[in-house]
Protein backbone atom coordinates (compact mmCIF):
# COMPACT_ATOMS: atom_id res chain seq x y z
CA MET A 1 -39.08 10.44 -14.29
CA ARG A 2 -41.25 7.63 -14.63
CA TYR A 3 -41.99 6.64 -11.46
CA PRO A 4 -41.57 2.49 -10.25
CA MET A 5 -44.68 1.55 -8.98
CA GLY A 6 -43.89 -2.01 -7.31
CA TRP A 7 -40.82 -0.59 -5.47
CA ALA A 8 -42.73 2.30 -3.93
CA VAL A 9 -45.53 0.25 -2.68
CA ALA A 10 -43.30 -2.49 -1.55
CA ALA A 11 -41.61 -0.01 0.58
CA ALA A 12 -44.88 1.62 2.62
CA ALA A 13 -45.75 -2.41 3.32
CA THR A 14 -42.73 -2.70 4.93
CA VAL A 15 -43.01 0.09 6.83
CA LEU A 16 -46.31 -0.20 7.70
CA ALA A 17 -45.60 -4.70 8.28
CA SER A 18 -42.27 -4.26 10.04
CA GLY A 19 -42.00 -0.44 11.72
CA CYS A 20 -38.81 1.30 12.05
CA GLY A 21 -36.83 -0.88 14.42
CA SER A 22 -33.48 -2.75 13.73
CA ALA A 23 -32.95 -6.07 12.88
CA ASP A 24 -32.61 -7.46 16.35
CA SER A 25 -35.28 -6.10 17.65
CA PRO A 26 -39.06 -7.22 18.04
CA PRO A 27 -41.32 -5.67 14.96
CA ALA A 28 -43.25 -2.96 16.06
CA PRO A 29 -47.21 -2.82 16.01
CA ALA A 30 -48.60 -1.49 12.39
CA PRO A 31 -49.96 1.31 13.28
CA GLU A 32 -53.49 2.12 13.49
CA LEU A 33 -55.45 3.34 10.30
CA THR A 34 -58.00 6.08 11.33
CA GLY A 35 -58.07 8.27 8.12
CA ARG A 36 -60.31 7.35 4.86
CA LEU A 37 -59.01 8.73 1.57
CA THR A 38 -61.48 10.01 -1.17
CA VAL A 39 -60.22 9.78 -4.79
CA VAL A 40 -62.43 11.51 -7.51
CA VAL A 41 -61.31 11.27 -11.42
CA ALA A 42 -64.18 13.59 -12.85
CA VAL A 43 -63.90 14.23 -16.58
CA VAL A 44 -65.04 17.34 -18.36
CA ASP A 45 -65.36 15.50 -21.70
CA SER A 46 -63.63 17.88 -24.51
CA LEU A 47 -62.68 20.45 -22.03
CA MET A 48 -60.06 22.15 -23.13
CA PRO A 49 -57.21 24.40 -20.88
CA HIS A 50 -57.90 27.74 -22.26
CA GLU A 51 -61.66 27.34 -21.11
CA ILE A 52 -61.02 27.50 -17.42
CA THR A 53 -61.42 31.07 -16.90
CA ALA A 54 -63.88 33.44 -14.94
CA ALA A 55 -67.02 31.90 -16.46
CA THR A 56 -66.36 28.83 -15.01
CA PRO A 57 -65.61 30.01 -10.86
CA ARG A 58 -65.74 26.98 -9.42
CA LEU A 59 -62.85 25.31 -11.99
CA SER A 60 -60.70 28.46 -11.80
CA ALA A 61 -61.39 27.95 -7.92
CA LEU A 62 -60.11 24.10 -7.94
CA ARG A 63 -57.31 25.19 -10.43
CA ALA A 64 -56.13 28.04 -7.63
CA ALA A 65 -56.12 25.26 -5.28
CA GLY A 66 -54.27 22.49 -7.06
CA THR A 67 -51.49 21.32 -10.14
CA PHE A 68 -52.43 22.34 -13.38
CA TYR A 69 -50.22 21.03 -15.86
CA GLU A 70 -49.96 23.67 -19.03
CA GLU A 71 -49.47 21.14 -22.04
CA SER A 72 -51.06 18.02 -20.49
CA ARG A 73 -51.94 14.95 -23.76
CA SER A 74 -54.23 12.86 -24.69
CA VAL A 75 -52.99 9.33 -26.74
CA PHE A 76 -53.99 8.78 -30.13
CA ILE A 77 -56.77 8.57 -31.61
CA ALA A 78 -57.58 11.73 -29.19
CA GLU A 79 -61.68 10.14 -28.67
CA THR A 80 -63.57 9.25 -25.50
CA ILE A 81 -63.39 5.66 -25.55
CA PRO A 82 -59.88 5.30 -25.55
CA ASN A 83 -58.74 8.04 -23.77
CA HIS A 84 -61.32 6.95 -20.63
CA VAL A 85 -59.90 3.48 -20.86
CA ALA A 86 -56.25 5.28 -20.63
CA MET A 87 -57.37 6.97 -17.75
CA MET A 88 -58.51 3.63 -15.67
CA THR A 89 -55.85 1.30 -17.27
CA GLY A 90 -52.31 3.40 -17.53
CA VAL A 91 -51.41 1.57 -20.45
CA THR A 92 -51.30 2.53 -24.46
CA PRO A 93 -53.72 1.85 -26.89
CA SER A 94 -51.67 -0.80 -28.29
CA ARG A 95 -51.90 -2.82 -25.07
CA SER A 96 -55.35 -2.18 -23.89
CA GLY A 97 -56.74 -3.02 -27.35
CA ILE A 98 -58.90 0.05 -27.32
CA PHE A 99 -57.38 2.46 -30.12
CA SER A 100 -60.73 4.71 -31.36
CA ASN A 101 -64.20 4.88 -30.90
CA ASP A 102 -64.69 2.43 -33.56
CA TYR A 103 -63.25 -0.02 -35.84
CA LEU A 104 -64.36 -2.59 -38.70
CA ASP A 105 -65.35 -5.55 -37.46
CA PHE A 106 -64.52 -8.38 -40.20
CA SER A 107 -66.52 -10.96 -38.30
CA THR A 108 -69.61 -10.19 -40.33
CA ASP A 109 -70.16 -10.79 -44.22
CA PRO A 110 -69.91 -7.32 -45.20
CA PRO A 111 -67.55 -5.86 -42.56
CA GLU A 112 -69.63 -4.07 -40.03
CA GLU A 113 -68.46 -0.56 -38.25
CA LEU A 114 -68.93 -0.34 -34.56
CA ASP A 115 -67.90 1.26 -31.38
CA LEU A 116 -65.04 -0.02 -29.53
CA SER A 117 -67.10 -0.83 -26.50
CA ALA A 118 -67.03 -4.32 -26.04
CA PRO A 119 -66.02 -5.14 -22.73
CA GLU A 120 -64.03 -8.57 -24.41
CA LYS A 121 -62.23 -5.75 -26.47
CA LEU A 122 -60.67 -4.35 -23.22
CA THR A 123 -57.15 -6.51 -23.15
CA ALA A 124 -55.70 -4.57 -19.94
CA ASN A 125 -56.79 -4.45 -16.21
CA THR A 126 -58.74 -1.79 -15.16
CA LEU A 127 -58.45 0.37 -11.90
CA PHE A 128 -61.69 -1.20 -10.71
CA THR A 129 -59.96 -4.69 -11.53
CA TRP A 130 -56.79 -3.89 -9.59
CA ILE A 131 -59.03 -2.20 -6.52
CA ASP A 132 -61.18 -5.77 -6.51
CA ARG A 133 -58.11 -8.03 -5.89
CA GLN A 134 -56.21 -5.97 -3.68
CA CYS A 135 -58.50 -3.97 -1.29
CA GLY A 136 -61.77 -5.82 -2.60
CA SER A 137 -62.80 -6.83 1.14
CA GLY A 138 -62.33 -6.74 4.52
CA ALA A 139 -61.71 -4.12 6.90
CA THR A 140 -59.19 -2.12 3.94
CA GLU A 141 -61.91 -2.20 0.97
CA VAL A 142 -62.33 0.15 -1.23
CA ARG A 143 -65.52 0.86 -2.86
CA THR A 144 -65.23 1.75 -6.18
CA GLY A 145 -68.21 3.77 -8.49
CA ALA A 146 -68.43 4.62 -11.43
CA THR A 147 -71.37 7.56 -13.28
CA LEU A 148 -71.02 7.72 -16.78
CA SER A 149 -72.57 9.74 -19.12
CA LYS A 150 -72.12 8.04 -22.13
CA LYS A 151 -73.59 4.61 -23.17
CA TYR A 152 -70.18 3.69 -25.07
CA LEU A 153 -68.13 4.47 -21.59
CA PHE A 154 -70.73 2.26 -19.94
CA GLU A 155 -70.03 -0.58 -22.39
CA VAL A 156 -66.76 -0.51 -22.14
CA PHE A 157 -66.23 -0.59 -18.39
CA ASN A 158 -69.50 -3.36 -18.21
CA GLY A 159 -66.48 -6.12 -16.90
CA ASP A 160 -66.27 -9.60 -18.46
CA ALA A 161 -68.43 -10.94 -16.44
CA ALA A 162 -71.01 -8.95 -18.00
CA ASP A 163 -71.90 -11.66 -20.84
CA PRO A 164 -70.25 -14.96 -19.83
CA GLY A 165 -70.46 -16.51 -23.47
CA ARG A 166 -68.22 -13.64 -24.58
CA ASP A 167 -64.54 -14.01 -22.92
CA ASN A 168 -62.04 -11.22 -23.40
CA GLU A 169 -59.75 -11.09 -26.59
CA ALA A 170 -56.73 -11.34 -23.75
CA PRO A 171 -56.23 -14.85 -21.80
CA GLY A 172 -55.37 -13.25 -19.00
CA VAL A 173 -57.41 -10.47 -18.44
CA PHE A 174 -61.09 -10.80 -16.70
CA ASN A 175 -62.30 -7.39 -15.62
CA VAL A 176 -64.73 -6.54 -13.07
CA GLN A 177 -67.62 -3.70 -12.87
CA PRO A 178 -67.03 -1.37 -10.74
CA ASP A 179 -68.83 -1.80 -6.87
CA SER A 180 -71.10 0.90 -7.69
CA TYR A 181 -72.30 1.24 -11.65
CA TRP A 182 -74.91 2.98 -13.20
CA ASP A 183 -76.33 2.76 -16.73
CA PRO A 184 -76.85 6.36 -18.33
CA GLU A 185 -79.83 4.79 -20.46
CA ASP A 186 -81.65 3.99 -16.93
CA SER A 187 -82.21 7.63 -16.40
CA GLY A 188 -85.34 9.58 -17.96
CA ALA A 189 -83.49 12.08 -19.04
CA TYR A 190 -81.19 9.90 -21.54
CA ILE A 191 -80.75 11.21 -25.12
CA PRO A 192 -80.96 8.17 -27.22
CA SER A 193 -79.08 8.04 -30.94
CA PRO A 194 -77.33 9.93 -32.36
CA SER A 195 -76.40 11.50 -28.61
CA GLU A 196 -76.43 8.21 -26.60
CA HIS A 197 -75.66 10.04 -23.39
CA THR A 198 -77.94 11.27 -20.64
CA PRO A 199 -77.25 15.42 -19.47
CA ASP A 200 -74.55 16.53 -17.26
CA THR A 201 -77.91 17.77 -14.29
CA PRO A 202 -78.80 14.02 -13.91
CA THR A 203 -75.18 13.04 -14.61
CA MET A 204 -74.49 14.63 -11.41
CA ASP A 205 -77.85 14.04 -9.03
CA GLN A 206 -76.60 10.22 -10.13
CA ALA A 207 -73.03 10.58 -8.80
CA LEU A 208 -73.98 12.54 -5.86
CA ALA A 209 -76.35 9.57 -4.64
CA GLN A 210 -73.53 7.16 -5.18
CA LEU A 211 -71.03 8.96 -3.54
CA PRO A 212 -71.93 8.06 -0.04
CA ASP A 213 -70.78 4.61 -0.81
CA VAL A 214 -67.43 4.87 -2.96
CA ASP A 215 -63.96 5.65 -1.77
CA PHE A 216 -63.07 6.08 -5.40
CA HIS A 217 -65.10 7.57 -8.03
CA PHE A 218 -64.85 8.11 -12.24
CA ILE A 219 -67.51 10.51 -13.43
CA ASN A 220 -67.88 11.50 -17.28
CA LEU A 221 -70.19 14.83 -17.90
CA GLY A 222 -70.60 14.68 -21.62
CA ASP A 223 -72.92 17.76 -22.63
CA VAL A 224 -69.90 20.10 -23.08
CA ASP A 225 -68.97 17.91 -25.99
CA ARG A 226 -72.34 16.75 -27.14
CA LEU A 227 -73.44 20.30 -27.44
CA ALA A 228 -70.25 21.24 -29.10
CA HIS A 229 -70.85 18.24 -31.85
CA ALA A 230 -74.51 18.93 -32.20
CA SER A 231 -74.01 22.94 -32.78
CA GLY A 232 -70.86 24.68 -32.14
CA GLU A 233 -69.47 26.64 -29.88
CA GLN A 234 -71.92 28.78 -28.62
CA ALA A 235 -73.84 25.94 -27.44
CA ARG A 236 -70.58 24.57 -26.17
CA SER A 237 -70.16 27.77 -23.93
CA ALA A 238 -73.79 27.47 -22.32
CA ALA A 239 -72.43 23.44 -21.52
CA LEU A 240 -69.39 24.75 -19.84
CA ALA A 241 -71.17 26.64 -17.50
CA GLU A 242 -72.99 23.91 -16.86
CA ALA A 243 -70.40 21.93 -16.19
CA ASP A 244 -68.70 24.12 -14.08
CA ALA A 245 -71.47 24.11 -11.80
CA GLN A 246 -72.02 20.28 -11.63
CA ILE A 247 -68.41 20.23 -10.19
CA GLY A 248 -69.16 23.10 -7.70
CA ARG A 249 -72.04 20.53 -6.74
CA LEU A 250 -69.63 17.65 -6.51
CA VAL A 251 -67.39 19.78 -3.90
CA ASP A 252 -70.14 21.08 -2.15
CA ALA A 253 -71.55 17.84 -1.35
CA LEU A 254 -67.77 16.17 -0.11
CA MET A 255 -67.78 19.22 2.07
CA ALA A 256 -70.91 18.63 3.61
CA ALA A 257 -70.34 14.98 4.30
CA GLY A 258 -67.31 16.09 5.63
CA ARG A 259 -65.12 14.22 3.10
CA TRP A 260 -63.59 17.21 1.28
CA ASP A 261 -60.47 17.60 3.61
CA SER A 262 -58.90 13.60 3.10
CA THR A 263 -60.31 14.23 -1.42
CA VAL A 264 -58.02 14.40 -3.74
CA LEU A 265 -59.94 15.73 -6.88
CA ILE A 266 -58.59 14.74 -10.38
CA VAL A 267 -60.10 16.95 -12.96
CA LEU A 268 -59.51 16.09 -16.49
CA SER A 269 -60.50 16.11 -20.47
CA ASP A 270 -60.12 13.31 -22.39
CA HIS A 271 -59.43 15.45 -25.52
CA GLY A 272 -59.72 19.01 -26.99
CA MET A 273 -61.63 20.59 -29.80
CA ASP A 274 -61.66 21.90 -32.89
CA TYR A 275 -64.25 23.47 -35.35
CA SER A 276 -64.58 22.95 -39.18
CA PRO A 277 -67.72 24.19 -41.14
CA ALA A 278 -70.11 22.34 -42.52
CA GLY A 279 -70.07 21.05 -45.89
CA PRO A 280 -67.37 20.43 -48.62
CA ALA A 281 -64.79 23.53 -47.56
CA ALA A 282 -63.39 21.50 -44.87
CA ALA A 283 -63.98 17.75 -45.56
CA ILE A 284 -62.18 15.68 -46.68
CA SER A 285 -63.38 12.33 -48.51
CA THR A 286 -61.07 9.42 -49.36
CA GLN A 287 -63.63 6.59 -50.39
CA ALA A 288 -63.79 7.47 -54.33
CA MET A 289 -60.02 7.33 -54.56
CA LEU A 290 -60.17 4.42 -52.38
CA ASP A 291 -63.17 3.12 -54.90
CA ALA A 292 -61.03 3.69 -57.93
CA LEU A 293 -57.70 2.21 -56.89
CA GLY A 294 -59.87 -0.86 -55.77
CA ALA A 295 -59.38 -1.69 -59.66
CA CYS A 296 -56.00 -1.99 -59.27
CA PHE A 297 -55.59 -2.88 -55.95
CA GLU A 298 -56.85 -4.87 -53.31
CA PRO A 299 -60.25 -2.82 -52.27
CA MET A 300 -60.03 -0.64 -48.89
CA GLN A 301 -62.89 0.77 -47.01
CA ALA A 302 -62.48 4.32 -44.55
CA ILE A 303 -64.45 5.06 -41.65
CA VAL A 304 -64.20 8.04 -40.36
CA SER A 305 -63.42 8.77 -36.28
CA GLY A 306 -64.20 11.60 -34.44
CA GLU A 307 -64.14 13.83 -37.52
CA GLY A 308 -60.76 14.64 -36.75
CA SER A 309 -59.17 11.33 -37.73
CA GLU A 310 -59.60 8.48 -40.40
CA SER A 311 -59.06 4.56 -40.57
CA ILE A 312 -58.79 2.92 -43.81
CA TYR A 313 -58.48 -0.96 -43.66
CA VAL A 314 -57.94 -3.89 -46.68
CA LEU A 315 -61.00 -5.35 -46.95
CA GLU A 316 -59.81 -8.73 -47.79
CA ARG A 317 -57.86 -9.86 -44.75
CA SER A 318 -56.71 -12.87 -46.27
CA ALA A 319 -55.05 -11.26 -48.94
CA PRO A 320 -51.20 -11.69 -49.04
CA LEU A 321 -49.48 -9.51 -47.47
CA ALA A 322 -47.16 -7.55 -50.53
CA ASP A 323 -50.70 -6.87 -52.13
CA ARG A 324 -52.24 -5.26 -48.94
CA GLN A 325 -49.24 -3.44 -48.37
CA ALA A 326 -49.35 -2.33 -52.21
CA ALA A 327 -52.90 -1.20 -51.57
CA LEU A 328 -52.22 0.93 -48.55
CA ARG A 329 -49.03 2.53 -50.44
CA GLY A 330 -50.84 3.35 -53.43
CA ALA A 331 -53.56 5.38 -51.28
CA ARG A 332 -50.80 6.67 -49.07
CA ALA A 333 -49.17 8.38 -52.13
CA CYS A 334 -52.05 9.63 -54.10
CA LEU A 335 -53.62 11.39 -50.49
CA LEU A 336 -50.34 12.88 -49.80
CA GLY A 337 -49.75 13.71 -53.99
CA THR A 338 -46.17 11.98 -53.68
CA GLN A 339 -47.36 10.15 -56.72
CA ASP A 340 -50.02 11.07 -59.72
CA CYS A 341 -53.00 9.06 -58.53
CA ALA A 342 -54.13 8.01 -62.61
CA THR A 343 -50.66 7.02 -63.14
CA LEU A 344 -51.13 4.70 -60.17
CA CYS A 345 -54.49 3.88 -61.21
CA PRO A 346 -56.27 4.86 -64.44
CA GLY A 347 -59.12 6.83 -62.71
CA ALA A 348 -58.45 7.80 -59.26
CA THR A 349 -57.70 11.24 -58.51
CA ARG A 350 -57.13 12.68 -55.83
CA PRO A 351 -59.93 14.00 -52.99
CA LEU A 352 -60.42 17.27 -52.92
CA ASN A 353 -58.91 19.29 -49.66
CA ALA A 354 -56.23 16.21 -49.53
CA GLY A 355 -53.70 18.81 -49.17
CA ASN A 356 -54.90 19.40 -45.23
CA ILE A 357 -54.21 15.78 -44.39
CA ALA A 358 -51.66 15.62 -42.07
CA THR A 359 -50.94 12.47 -41.08
CA ALA A 360 -50.74 9.16 -43.08
CA TRP A 361 -49.62 6.29 -41.00
CA TYR A 362 -49.50 2.58 -41.43
CA ASN A 363 -50.30 0.26 -38.70
CA ALA A 364 -47.37 -1.52 -39.46
CA ASP A 365 -44.54 -0.66 -41.18
CA ASP A 366 -43.56 -0.93 -44.63
CA ALA A 367 -40.12 -1.35 -45.74
CA LEU A 368 -40.74 0.54 -48.91
CA ASP A 369 -42.25 2.88 -47.43
CA ALA A 370 -40.27 3.87 -44.25
CA ASP A 371 -41.85 7.54 -43.84
CA GLY A 372 -45.27 6.26 -43.40
CA ALA A 373 -44.20 4.56 -39.96
CA MET A 374 -46.31 5.08 -37.27
CA PRO A 375 -44.00 7.49 -34.40
CA ALA A 376 -42.98 5.52 -31.88
CA SER A 377 -44.29 7.97 -29.55
CA VAL A 378 -48.08 7.22 -30.92
CA GLN A 379 -48.17 3.60 -29.52
CA SER A 380 -51.49 2.87 -30.86
CA ARG A 381 -50.25 0.09 -33.07
CA HIS A 382 -52.68 -2.83 -32.81
CA PRO A 383 -54.02 -5.49 -35.21
CA GLN A 384 -57.62 -4.46 -35.15
CA ALA A 385 -56.66 -0.86 -36.09
CA GLY A 386 -57.17 0.54 -39.31
CA ASP A 387 -54.42 -0.31 -41.69
CA LEU A 388 -53.48 3.25 -42.69
CA VAL A 389 -54.44 5.79 -39.94
CA LEU A 390 -55.39 9.47 -41.52
CA ALA A 391 -55.42 12.66 -39.46
CA ALA A 392 -56.37 15.81 -40.48
CA ALA A 393 -55.02 19.34 -40.14
CA ASP A 394 -56.47 22.04 -37.77
CA GLY A 395 -60.26 23.36 -38.88
CA HIS A 396 -60.52 20.18 -40.98
CA LYS A 397 -62.58 16.92 -40.76
CA PHE A 398 -62.84 13.87 -42.69
CA ALA A 399 -66.54 12.80 -44.35
CA GLU A 400 -67.48 9.59 -45.68
CA PRO A 401 -68.50 8.44 -48.51
CA ASN A 402 -69.24 11.98 -49.42
CA ALA A 403 -67.65 15.48 -49.25
CA LEU A 404 -70.15 17.24 -50.76
CA ASP A 405 -72.99 15.35 -47.65
CA SER A 406 -73.03 17.60 -45.08
CA SER A 407 -76.07 15.80 -42.67
CA GLY A 408 -73.22 13.62 -41.20
CA GLN A 409 -70.77 15.79 -40.26
CA ILE A 410 -70.26 17.59 -36.99
CA PRO A 411 -69.39 20.90 -36.51
CA GLY A 412 -66.95 20.12 -33.35
CA ASN A 413 -63.93 17.84 -33.89
CA HIS A 414 -61.15 16.01 -32.67
CA GLY A 415 -58.89 12.87 -32.68
CA HIS A 416 -56.30 14.79 -35.01
CA PRO A 417 -53.39 16.32 -33.55
CA VAL A 418 -54.57 19.75 -32.05
CA THR A 419 -57.34 17.76 -30.19
CA PHE A 420 -54.41 16.08 -28.47
CA HIS A 421 -54.29 18.98 -25.72
CA ASN A 422 -55.95 18.21 -22.84
CA THR A 423 -56.60 19.50 -19.36
CA VAL A 424 -55.40 17.81 -16.31
CA LEU A 425 -56.00 19.57 -13.09
CA VAL A 426 -54.96 17.75 -9.68
CA THR A 427 -57.04 19.21 -6.84
CA GLY A 428 -58.62 18.59 -3.90
CA GLY A 429 -59.12 19.30 -0.15
CA SER A 430 -56.56 16.82 1.24
CA PRO A 431 -52.82 18.21 2.51
CA TRP A 432 -51.19 16.55 0.27
CA VAL A 433 -52.29 18.30 -2.88
CA ARG A 434 -49.69 21.03 -3.40
CA GLN A 435 -51.70 24.20 -3.76
CA GLY A 436 -51.38 27.06 -6.65
CA ALA A 437 -48.97 25.22 -8.85
CA SER A 438 -48.71 25.50 -12.96
CA VAL A 439 -46.50 22.98 -14.53
CA ALA A 440 -45.15 24.53 -17.10
CA PRO A 441 -43.31 22.71 -20.47
CA SER A 442 -39.68 22.07 -20.28
CA ALA A 443 -39.90 22.95 -24.05
CA ALA A 444 -41.48 25.77 -25.79
CA PRO A 445 -44.25 25.58 -27.88
CA PRO A 446 -43.69 26.45 -31.71
CA ASP A 447 -45.81 29.22 -33.48
CA PRO A 448 -48.00 28.04 -34.87
CA PRO A 449 -47.75 24.80 -32.88
CA THR A 450 -46.86 21.67 -35.19
CA VAL A 451 -48.00 17.81 -35.51
CA GLU A 452 -44.79 17.14 -34.07
CA TRP A 453 -45.35 19.60 -30.91
CA TYR A 454 -48.63 17.79 -30.46
CA LEU A 455 -47.18 14.37 -30.59
CA THR A 456 -44.55 15.51 -27.81
CA ARG A 457 -44.23 13.40 -24.74
CA LEU A 458 -42.85 16.21 -22.44
CA PRO A 459 -41.98 13.96 -19.02
CA GLU A 460 -42.96 16.49 -16.52
CA GLN A 461 -46.28 17.35 -18.30
CA ALA A 462 -49.72 15.28 -17.29
CA GLU A 463 -51.06 12.84 -19.93
CA THR A 464 -54.47 10.65 -19.55
CA LEU A 465 -52.01 7.68 -19.14
CA ASP A 466 -51.15 8.80 -15.63
CA VAL A 467 -54.61 8.88 -14.13
CA ALA A 468 -54.38 4.87 -12.94
CA PRO A 469 -50.86 4.98 -11.83
CA THR A 470 -51.46 7.80 -9.60
CA VAL A 471 -54.32 7.24 -8.00
CA ALA A 472 -52.60 3.28 -7.64
CA TRP A 473 -50.41 5.16 -5.86
CA LEU A 474 -52.73 7.48 -3.75
CA LEU A 475 -54.67 4.18 -2.79
CA GLY A 476 -51.69 2.20 -1.84
CA LEU A 477 -52.06 -0.87 -4.67
CA GLN A 478 -49.70 -2.87 -4.76
CA VAL A 479 -49.25 -3.00 -8.88
CA PRO A 480 -45.77 -4.91 -9.79
CA GLU A 481 -44.28 -4.80 -13.31
CA GLU A 482 -44.89 -8.25 -13.43
CA ALA A 483 -48.61 -8.60 -12.41
CA PHE A 484 -49.60 -6.71 -15.74
CA PRO A 485 -51.06 -9.64 -17.91
CA ASP A 486 -49.00 -8.75 -20.95
CA TYR A 487 -45.24 -8.55 -18.83
CA ALA A 488 -44.03 -11.68 -20.65
CA GLU A 489 -44.42 -9.87 -23.68
CA ARG A 490 -43.71 -6.31 -23.06
CA GLY A 491 -41.54 -6.02 -20.04
CA LYS A 492 -43.46 -3.12 -18.31
CA GLY A 493 -45.91 -2.06 -16.55
CA PHE A 494 -47.82 1.28 -16.26
CA ASP A 495 -46.91 2.94 -19.05
CA GLY A 496 -48.16 6.44 -17.33
CA ARG A 497 -46.14 8.04 -14.83
CA VAL A 498 -47.31 9.00 -10.90
CA LEU A 499 -47.95 12.62 -11.28
CA THR A 500 -45.29 13.65 -8.72
CA GLU A 501 -45.28 17.69 -9.27
CA ALA A 502 -48.92 17.78 -7.92
CA PHE A 503 -47.82 16.18 -4.18
CA THR A 504 -45.60 17.27 -1.32
CA GLN A 505 -44.68 13.92 -0.43
CA PHE A 506 -42.20 14.18 -3.56
CA ASP A 507 -40.52 17.67 -2.22
CA ALA A 508 -38.05 15.09 -0.81
CA GLY A 509 -37.11 13.39 -3.42
CA ALA A 510 -38.41 11.30 -6.46
CA ALA A 511 -39.21 8.11 -4.49
CA ALA A 512 -42.10 8.79 -2.04
CA PRO A 513 -43.46 5.69 -1.00
CA PRO A 514 -47.74 6.03 -1.08
CA PRO A 515 -49.47 7.92 1.32
CA THR A 516 -52.19 5.05 2.14
CA VAL A 517 -52.22 1.06 2.70
CA CYS A 518 -55.95 0.77 0.28
CA GLY A 519 -56.81 4.02 0.80
CA ARG A 520 -56.21 3.57 4.94
CA PHE A 521 -53.75 6.31 6.64
């Protein structure tokens, strides 16, 4: 069940303000709030559930002491930036504007492929903004912090004041930085392009330096993901052991500071990981086909996102809609083999390995090809997203502009359906956390799992979208639906839900009021 956040917060505020007396009795004084909650969201980038084993003893212990979701999910596209944004906003990519790691920017000529990390592109309020508005000062101030190992994550949460000349693309949105914010490029250990991240040990060094000054802390450890991309599964194993040790350091620091017993720790990943060999055996390249179709249709360009997914754009944005749709229909028909490519346009041929394309969805519905509609559960449509979004089957990836060139290909891939399955674990020393629980899926996965299975949103399972509403509930934030900047258009607040299965307050029913007021209890 999706939890009605506005009602719960209002209920808590009423209890604290008016006490429990009758309507004729004088209001009881509000109880003194002496406890202080710590909430930490720690992301082990691309960690998969089956990787929590005896080889990761600290993560295994945390799993035993908390609530684990067996079939948790990322948002599509299963990449780093959109899923970290989902965590901190609680809304889908169609609302946040961050649908991928990168996009084709048409403000330049020719269009330029850019990281989707500019803060003005993030068109939803973040937790940092909600906390600042409601608990940003005074006796109940909630101090926020972020220690994000990857450059583009630092950029996207940098806030709208970072560059006053670049207004947020949503008029009702003005996001703030976390109170304690670290730029990974300031680290002497920072690894420049193509990695653009600081390794886990110095990242955690910084997180622990910030920790005494923050109540809500957002941490990203990037090595598990980066080493898999660089060197494959063997390097990933070493990175997993190191990430486990760093999570252990975080727990030890909270214990040493006497904060562990009032800490809720959410350990999760942004997406999973899939492996494919370098070179043409597993690669799919569409650009040659698109170039050939350009002789008969509007020209198109493909950009690769996370290797497991790809976005195709019609280059002439001012072309008539019918012409743009015809070009996209031709590309989709050629890719899926539903029409002969040469019949569509002489000289066009179907790409090698195109039979391993798992999905080919339009960003906007086409009445002449209803089968290409993006499923409603995906919720990643956005005007700047690819006009046609592709996802590869397990063990395959996209490589542009030439599948024979393996120089730009990476061994670890994500973005496609098999990598929708991420990790979500709610743990911590707080007595509110339900211990030793494992939330099984309400529907059994098929064998082997299908694209439809990975797209299934199971109501009892966790999603990256659920982090923000859960943290908001824990901190007692008042975030009614009508406060959301796009409420008039969307008619809703958070798309995610409070993870009720993880907290003992919900033993009595589904409508437990928040346990704190601005993190005080």
